[in-house]
Amino acid sequence: MKKFVAVAGNIGVGKSTLVEMLCVRMGWEPFFEPVAENPYLADFYADMDTWSFHSQIFFLAHRLRSHYDLAQHPNSVVQDRSVYEDAEIFAQNLYLQGHIPYRDYQTYRQLYETTMRFLPPPDLVVYLRASVPTLLNRISNRGRAYEQTISPDYLDGLNKLYETWIDNFTLCPVLAVPADDLDYVSHPGHLRLITQKVEQKLTGKEEVVFEPDEVARAGED
């Protein structure tokens, strides 16, 4: 039976890498969000207060279409970042920072919440949870120039929004992965452990956690 899995998490946590490695291991298809030519982006960076709402509406529409297409896909797929994060994390963060006015944000939320009623949820959300020091270290290691100015406070604010979202998310099962402790790039055992937990969750096991002793054993492989 086909499965639709979404991998969620903060900037630099390792979503794309895990998507690639899971798909190789499980024989599924990866889906990385194509770079969309957002016609508002240049205006957004020049004047965030004026153009944040327009830019987020464009990204929401683009990601909603991708979500729908993946739900209809004939094969099992793993998605790099979910539509939920656009709304619950990044649009909300712009609102909290004062770049999207209350009236516009309420319109955005109504559009998002109404549309989500008609879209089937994924079978599983894999949430990569990491502390700010881990995020900063991984951002530094991957060396993308435009990410090097991201501040710890910004990442911490996003982390708080992620935790609030995941604590209240009920549309499908969630597997929370302790990404501070699991380096699935360097340790094959860590990838095997994550894969086992994903399979357990997809077969309906409700309580799936990463015990410290099994994480330690996996790191020795």
C-alpha atoms as a PDB file:
ATOM      1  CA  MET A   1       0.000   0.000   0.000  1.00  0.00           C
ATOM      2  CA  LYS A   2       1.332   3.431  -0.958  1.00  0.00           C
ATOM      3  CA  LYS A   3       2.382   5.824   1.788  1.00  0.00           C
ATOM      4  CA  PHE A   4       2.729   9.600   1.967  1.00  0.00           C
ATOM      5  CA  VAL A   5       5.269  10.743   4.554  1.00  0.00           C
ATOM      6  CA  ALA A   6       6.235  14.367   5.241  1.00  0.00           C
ATOM      7  CA  VAL A   7       9.514  15.295   6.954  1.00  0.00           C
ATOM      8  CA  ALA A   8       9.251  18.483   9.025  1.00  0.00           C
ATOM      9  CA  GLY A   9      11.727  20.546  11.008  1.00  0.00           C
ATOM     10  CA  ASN A  10      13.624  23.787  11.414  1.00  0.00           C
ATOM     11  CA  ILE A  11      16.185  25.288   9.039  1.00  0.00           C
ATOM     12  CA  GLY A  12      19.355  23.181   8.911  1.00  0.00           C
ATOM     13  CA  VAL A  13      18.006  20.214  10.853  1.00  0.00           C
ATOM     14  CA  GLY A  14      18.639  17.746   8.018  1.00  0.00           C
ATOM     15  CA  LYS A  15      15.247  17.242   6.346  1.00  0.00           C
ATOM     16  CA  SER A  16      16.496  16.903   2.769  1.00  0.00           C
ATOM     17  CA  THR A  17      19.232  14.475   3.760  1.00  0.00           C
ATOM     18  CA  LEU A  18      16.819  12.263   5.675  1.00  0.00           C
ATOM     19  CA  VAL A  19      14.329  12.325   2.783  1.00  0.00           C
ATOM     20  CA  GLU A  20      17.050  11.111   0.412  1.00  0.00           C
ATOM     21  CA  MET A  21      18.306   8.398   2.760  1.00  0.00           C
ATOM     22  CA  LEU A  22      14.859   7.116   3.718  1.00  0.00           C
ATOM     23  CA  CYS A  23      13.853   6.836   0.081  1.00  0.00           C
ATOM     24  CA  VAL A  24      17.002   4.901  -0.851  1.00  0.00           C
ATOM     25  CA  ARG A  25      16.485   2.558   2.086  1.00  0.00           C
ATOM     26  CA  MET A  26      12.750   2.004   1.566  1.00  0.00           C
ATOM     27  CA  GLY A  27      12.537   2.215  -2.210  1.00  0.00           C
ATOM     28  CA  TRP A  28      10.218   5.220  -2.138  1.00  0.00           C
ATOM     29  CA  GLU A  29      10.238   8.425  -4.174  1.00  0.00           C
ATOM     30  CA  PRO A  30      11.610  11.673  -2.719  1.00  0.00           C
ATOM     31  CA  PHE A  31       9.858  14.970  -3.309  1.00  0.00           C
ATOM     32  CA  PHE A  32      11.802  18.180  -2.888  1.00  0.00           C
ATOM     33  CA  GLU A  33       9.871  21.403  -3.218  1.00  0.00           C
ATOM     34  CA  PRO A  34      10.774  22.875  -6.622  1.00  0.00           C
ATOM     35  CA  VAL A  35      12.071  26.402  -6.535  1.00  0.00           C
ATOM     36  CA  ALA A  36       9.072  28.504  -7.477  1.00  0.00           C
ATOM     37  CA  GLU A  37       9.521  31.829  -9.188  1.00  0.00           C
ATOM     38  CA  ASN A  38       7.761  33.871  -6.546  1.00  0.00           C
ATOM     39  CA  PRO A  39       6.862  37.142  -8.311  1.00  0.00           C
ATOM     40  CA  TYR A  40       6.711  38.905  -4.934  1.00  0.00           C
ATOM     41  CA  LEU A  41      10.096  37.845  -3.592  1.00  0.00           C
ATOM     42  CA  ALA A  42      12.173  40.852  -4.660  1.00  0.00           C
ATOM     43  CA  ASP A  43       9.488  43.205  -3.310  1.00  0.00           C
ATOM     44  CA  PHE A  44       9.278  41.137  -0.107  1.00  0.00           C
ATOM     45  CA  TYR A  45      12.973  41.537   0.666  1.00  0.00           C
ATOM     46  CA  ALA A  46      12.829  45.245  -0.152  1.00  0.00           C
ATOM     47  CA  ASP A  47       9.730  45.933   1.981  1.00  0.00           C
ATOM     48  CA  MET A  48       8.633  43.034   4.206  1.00  0.00           C
ATOM     49  CA  ASP A  49       5.815  44.965   5.853  1.00  0.00           C
ATOM     50  CA  THR A  50       4.090  45.583   2.530  1.00  0.00           C
ATOM     51  CA  TRP A  51       4.739  42.307   0.733  1.00  0.00           C
ATOM     52  CA  SER A  52       4.851  39.530   3.369  1.00  0.00           C
ATOM     53  CA  PHE A  53       1.158  38.690   2.977  1.00  0.00           C
ATOM     54  CA  HIS A  54       1.345  38.493  -0.815  1.00  0.00           C
ATOM     55  CA  SER A  55       4.479  36.377  -0.738  1.00  0.00           C
ATOM     56  CA  GLN A  56       3.040  33.924   1.791  1.00  0.00           C
ATOM     57  CA  ILE A  57      -0.165  33.550  -0.208  1.00  0.00           C
ATOM     58  CA  PHE A  58       1.906  32.619  -3.248  1.00  0.00           C
ATOM     59  CA  PHE A  59       3.936  30.049  -1.300  1.00  0.00           C
ATOM     60  CA  LEU A  60       0.779  28.619   0.297  1.00  0.00           C
ATOM     61  CA  ALA A  61      -0.930  28.153  -3.066  1.00  0.00           C
ATOM     62  CA  HIS A  62       2.180  26.513  -4.496  1.00  0.00           C
ATOM     63  CA  ARG A  63       2.590  24.105  -1.586  1.00  0.00           C
ATOM     64  CA  LEU A  64      -1.127  23.250  -1.433  1.00  0.00           C
ATOM     65  CA  ARG A  65      -0.937  22.127  -5.058  1.00  0.00           C
ATOM     66  CA  SER A  66       2.154  20.046  -4.316  1.00  0.00           C
ATOM     67  CA  HIS A  67       0.426  18.415  -1.342  1.00  0.00           C
ATOM     68  CA  TYR A  68      -2.598  17.541  -3.467  1.00  0.00           C
ATOM     69  CA  ASP A  69      -0.403  16.084  -6.208  1.00  0.00           C
ATOM     70  CA  LEU A  70       1.519  13.941  -3.715  1.00  0.00           C
ATOM     71  CA  ALA A  71      -1.689  12.655  -2.136  1.00  0.00           C
ATOM     72  CA  GLN A  72      -2.724  11.448  -5.604  1.00  0.00           C
ATOM     73  CA  HIS A  73       0.696  10.007  -6.462  1.00  0.00           C
ATOM     74  CA  PRO A  74       0.579   6.286  -7.344  1.00  0.00           C
ATOM     75  CA  ASN A  75       3.778   5.430  -5.447  1.00  0.00           C
ATOM     76  CA  SER A  76       4.986   5.939  -1.879  1.00  0.00           C
ATOM     77  CA  VAL A  77       6.569   9.362  -1.446  1.00  0.00           C
ATOM     78  CA  VAL A  78       8.519  11.287   1.179  1.00  0.00           C
ATOM     79  CA  GLN A  79       8.115  15.068   1.147  1.00  0.00           C
ATOM     80  CA  ASP A  80      10.737  17.574   2.232  1.00  0.00           C
ATOM     81  CA  ARG A  81       8.776  20.054   4.409  1.00  0.00           C
ATOM     82  CA  SER A  82       4.988  20.080   4.708  1.00  0.00           C
ATOM     83  CA  VAL A  83       2.301  22.592   3.804  1.00  0.00           C
ATOM     84  CA  TYR A  84       1.522  22.882   7.514  1.00  0.00           C
ATOM     85  CA  GLU A  85       4.889  24.490   8.203  1.00  0.00           C
ATOM     86  CA  ASP A  86       4.219  27.290   5.712  1.00  0.00           C
ATOM     87  CA  ALA A  87       1.215  28.394   7.744  1.00  0.00           C
ATOM     88  CA  GLU A  88       1.955  27.303  11.302  1.00  0.00           C
ATOM     89  CA  ILE A  89       5.601  28.351  11.382  1.00  0.00           C
ATOM     90  CA  PHE A  90       6.703  30.803   8.709  1.00  0.00           C
ATOM     91  CA  ALA A  91       3.543  32.834   8.071  1.00  0.00           C
ATOM     92  CA  GLN A  92       2.823  32.949  11.795  1.00  0.00           C
ATOM     93  CA  ASN A  93       6.376  34.084  12.476  1.00  0.00           C
ATOM     94  CA  LEU A  94       6.005  36.978  10.018  1.00  0.00           C
ATOM     95  CA  TYR A  95       2.756  37.919  11.760  1.00  0.00           C
ATOM     96  CA  LEU A  96       4.367  37.794  15.209  1.00  0.00           C
ATOM     97  CA  GLN A  97       7.247  39.930  13.959  1.00  0.00           C
ATOM     98  CA  GLY A  98       4.751  42.541  12.781  1.00  0.00           C
ATOM     99  CA  HIS A  99       5.289  42.081   9.051  1.00  0.00           C
ATOM    100  CA  ILE A 100       1.748  40.802   8.390  1.00  0.00           C
ATOM    101  CA  PRO A 101      -1.124  42.890   9.852  1.00  0.00           C
ATOM    102  CA  TYR A 102      -3.744  41.155  11.972  1.00  0.00           C
ATOM    103  CA  ARG A 103      -6.495  41.562   9.347  1.00  0.00           C
ATOM    104  CA  ASP A 104      -4.379  40.042   6.585  1.00  0.00           C
ATOM    105  CA  TYR A 105      -3.194  37.228   8.840  1.00  0.00           C
ATOM    106  CA  GLN A 106      -6.789  36.297   9.712  1.00  0.00           C
ATOM    107  CA  THR A 107      -7.615  36.153   5.995  1.00  0.00           C
ATOM    108  CA  TYR A 108      -4.576  33.947   5.414  1.00  0.00           C
ATOM    109  CA  ARG A 109      -5.569  31.610   8.262  1.00  0.00           C
ATOM    110  CA  GLN A 110      -9.144  31.300   6.997  1.00  0.00           C
ATOM    111  CA  LEU A 111      -7.924  30.395   3.526  1.00  0.00           C
ATOM    112  CA  TYR A 112      -5.433  27.862   4.913  1.00  0.00           C
ATOM    113  CA  GLU A 113      -7.824  26.230   7.368  1.00  0.00           C
ATOM    114  CA  THR A 114     -10.676  25.988   4.851  1.00  0.00           C
ATOM    115  CA  THR A 115      -8.462  24.498   2.161  1.00  0.00           C
ATOM    116  CA  MET A 116      -6.969  21.927   4.530  1.00  0.00           C
ATOM    117  CA  ARG A 117     -10.436  20.453   5.126  1.00  0.00           C
ATOM    118  CA  PHE A 118     -10.442  19.234   1.543  1.00  0.00           C
ATOM    119  CA  LEU A 119      -6.904  17.844   1.427  1.00  0.00           C
ATOM    120  CA  PRO A 120      -6.106  14.352   2.730  1.00  0.00           C
ATOM    121  CA  PRO A 121      -3.353  14.444   5.360  1.00  0.00           C
ATOM    122  CA  PRO A 122      -0.130  12.448   5.006  1.00  0.00           C
ATOM    123  CA  ASP A 123       0.086   9.007   6.563  1.00  0.00           C
ATOM    124  CA  LEU A 124       2.872  10.248   8.843  1.00  0.00           C
ATOM    125  CA  VAL A 125       4.771  13.407   9.754  1.00  0.00           C
ATOM    126  CA  VAL A 126       8.385  12.796  10.797  1.00  0.00           C
ATOM    127  CA  TYR A 127       9.393  15.765  12.957  1.00  0.00           C
ATOM    128  CA  LEU A 128      13.132  16.355  13.360  1.00  0.00           C
ATOM    129  CA  ARG A 129      13.610  18.071  16.708  1.00  0.00           C
ATOM    130  CA  ALA A 130      16.957  19.814  17.324  1.00  0.00           C
ATOM    131  CA  SER A 131      18.357  22.464  19.649  1.00  0.00           C
ATOM    132  CA  VAL A 132      19.647  25.781  18.350  1.00  0.00           C
ATOM    133  CA  PRO A 133      23.347  24.814  18.791  1.00  0.00           C
ATOM    134  CA  THR A 134      22.791  21.711  16.648  1.00  0.00           C
ATOM    135  CA  LEU A 135      20.995  23.761  13.995  1.00  0.00           C
ATOM    136  CA  LEU A 136      23.764  26.375  13.910  1.00  0.00           C
ATOM    137  CA  ASN A 137      26.431  23.688  13.641  1.00  0.00           C
ATOM    138  CA  ARG A 138      24.694  21.968  10.728  1.00  0.00           C
ATOM    139  CA  ILE A 139      23.993  25.275   8.966  1.00  0.00           C
ATOM    140  CA  SER A 140      27.688  26.142   9.288  1.00  0.00           C
ATOM    141  CA  ASN A 141      28.784  22.724   8.008  1.00  0.00           C
ATOM    142  CA  ARG A 142      26.657  22.827   4.877  1.00  0.00           C
ATOM    143  CA  GLY A 143      28.077  26.224   3.999  1.00  0.00           C
ATOM    144  CA  ARG A 144      25.227  27.974   2.233  1.00  0.00           C
ATOM    145  CA  ALA A 145      26.307  31.613   2.156  1.00  0.00           C
ATOM    146  CA  TYR A 146      22.793  33.049   2.452  1.00  0.00           C
ATOM    147  CA  GLU A 147      22.171  31.041   5.659  1.00  0.00           C
ATOM    148  CA  GLN A 148      25.271  32.141   7.548  1.00  0.00           C
ATOM    149  CA  THR A 149      23.612  35.308   8.866  1.00  0.00           C
ATOM    150  CA  ILE A 150      20.678  33.457  10.452  1.00  0.00           C
ATOM    151  CA  SER A 151      20.658  34.390  14.132  1.00  0.00           C
ATOM    152  CA  PRO A 152      20.266  32.030  17.107  1.00  0.00           C
ATOM    153  CA  ASP A 153      17.269  34.080  18.277  1.00  0.00           C
ATOM    154  CA  TYR A 154      15.525  33.598  14.930  1.00  0.00           C
ATOM    155  CA  LEU A 155      16.058  29.828  15.053  1.00  0.00           C
ATOM    156  CA  ASP A 156      14.907  29.736  18.659  1.00  0.00           C
ATOM    157  CA  GLY A 157      11.697  31.564  17.743  1.00  0.00           C
ATOM    158  CA  LEU A 158      11.018  29.088  14.953  1.00  0.00           C
ATOM    159  CA  ASN A 159      11.747  26.187  17.307  1.00  0.00           C
ATOM    160  CA  LYS A 160       9.117  27.476  19.735  1.00  0.00           C
ATOM    161  CA  LEU A 161       6.553  27.694  16.919  1.00  0.00           C
ATOM    162  CA  TYR A 162       7.461  24.177  15.776  1.00  0.00           C
ATOM    163  CA  GLU A 163       6.967  22.779  19.272  1.00  0.00           C
ATOM    164  CA  THR A 164       3.598  24.484  19.684  1.00  0.00           C
ATOM    165  CA  TRP A 165       2.475  23.209  16.279  1.00  0.00           C
ATOM    166  CA  ILE A 166       3.600  19.629  16.812  1.00  0.00           C
ATOM    167  CA  ASP A 167       2.057  19.493  20.314  1.00  0.00           C
ATOM    168  CA  ASN A 168      -1.339  20.372  18.835  1.00  0.00           C
ATOM    169  CA  PHE A 169      -1.136  18.535  15.503  1.00  0.00           C
ATOM    170  CA  THR A 170      -3.780  15.803  15.208  1.00  0.00           C
ATOM    171  CA  LEU A 171      -4.367  15.328  11.465  1.00  0.00           C
ATOM    172  CA  CYS A 172      -2.091  12.283  11.257  1.00  0.00           C
ATOM    173  CA  PRO A 173       0.430  10.366  13.398  1.00  0.00           C
ATOM    174  CA  VAL A 174       3.712  12.095  14.267  1.00  0.00           C
ATOM    175  CA  LEU A 175       7.119  10.535  14.851  1.00  0.00           C
ATOM    176  CA  ALA A 176       9.380  12.922  16.776  1.00  0.00           C
ATOM    177  CA  VAL A 177      13.065  12.236  16.080  1.00  0.00           C
ATOM    178  CA  PRO A 178      15.682  13.504  18.586  1.00  0.00           C
ATOM    179  CA  ALA A 179      17.990  14.981  15.958  1.00  0.00           C
ATOM    180  CA  ASP A 180      20.510  16.209  18.562  1.00  0.00           C
ATOM    181  CA  ASP A 181      21.320  12.576  19.351  1.00  0.00           C
ATOM    182  CA  LEU A 182      20.897  10.927  15.947  1.00  0.00           C
ATOM    183  CA  ASP A 183      23.476  11.557  13.234  1.00  0.00           C
ATOM    184  CA  TYR A 184      22.104   9.423  10.416  1.00  0.00           C
ATOM    185  CA  VAL A 185      24.761  10.716   8.001  1.00  0.00           C
ATOM    186  CA  SER A 186      27.716   9.430  10.036  1.00  0.00           C
ATOM    187  CA  HIS A 187      26.093   6.404  11.686  1.00  0.00           C
ATOM    188  CA  PRO A 188      24.244   3.811   9.560  1.00  0.00           C
ATOM    189  CA  GLY A 189      22.766   2.413  12.755  1.00  0.00           C
ATOM    190  CA  HIS A 190      20.977   5.687  13.410  1.00  0.00           C
ATOM    191  CA  LEU A 191      19.372   5.566   9.961  1.00  0.00           C
ATOM    192  CA  ARG A 192      18.292   1.956  10.545  1.00  0.00           C
ATOM    193  CA  LEU A 193      16.761   2.950  13.873  1.00  0.00           C
ATOM    194  CA  ILE A 194      14.793   5.838  12.332  1.00  0.00           C
ATOM    195  CA  THR A 195      13.615   3.564   9.511  1.00  0.00           C
ATOM    196  CA  GLN A 196      12.405   0.970  12.034  1.00  0.00           C
ATOM    197  CA  LYS A 197      10.474   3.640  13.945  1.00  0.00           C
ATOM    198  CA  VAL A 198       8.904   4.973  10.736  1.00  0.00           C
ATOM    199  CA  GLU A 199       7.777   1.461   9.789  1.00  0.00           C
ATOM    200  CA  GLN A 200       6.360   0.873  13.273  1.00  0.00           C
ATOM    201  CA  LYS A 201       4.421   4.113  13.133  1.00  0.00           C
ATOM    202  CA  LEU A 202       3.070   3.383   9.646  1.00  0.00           C
ATOM    203  CA  THR A 203       1.838  -0.042  10.721  1.00  0.00           C
ATOM    204  CA  GLY A 204      -0.290   1.552  13.416  1.00  0.00           C
ATOM    205  CA  LYS A 205       1.809   1.306  16.561  1.00  0.00           C
ATOM    206  CA  GLU A 206       0.690   4.249  18.678  1.00  0.00           C
ATOM    207  CA  GLU A 207       3.532   4.668  21.162  1.00  0.00           C
ATOM    208  CA  VAL A 208       6.843   4.862  19.278  1.00  0.00           C
ATOM    209  CA  VAL A 209       9.753   6.529  21.070  1.00  0.00           C
ATOM    210  CA  PHE A 210      13.530   6.587  20.810  1.00  0.00           C
ATOM    211  CA  GLU A 211      14.893   5.088  24.027  1.00  0.00           C
ATOM    212  CA  PRO A 212      18.335   6.417  25.072  1.00  0.00           C
ATOM    213  CA  ASP A 213      19.837   2.929  25.286  1.00  0.00           C
ATOM    214  CA  GLU A 214      18.773   1.959  21.764  1.00  0.00           C
ATOM    215  CA  VAL A 215      20.050   5.281  20.400  1.00  0.00           C
ATOM    216  CA  ALA A 216      23.407   4.543  22.071  1.00  0.00           C
ATOM    217  CA  ARG A 217      23.521   1.019  20.658  1.00  0.00           C
ATOM    218  CA  ALA A 218      22.635   2.265  17.175  1.00  0.00           C
ATOM    219  CA  GLY A 219      25.513   4.726  17.306  1.00  0.00           C
ATOM    220  CA  GLU A 220      27.954   1.853  17.822  1.00  0.00           C
ATOM    221  CA  ASP A 221      27.021   0.203  14.510  1.00  0.00           C
END
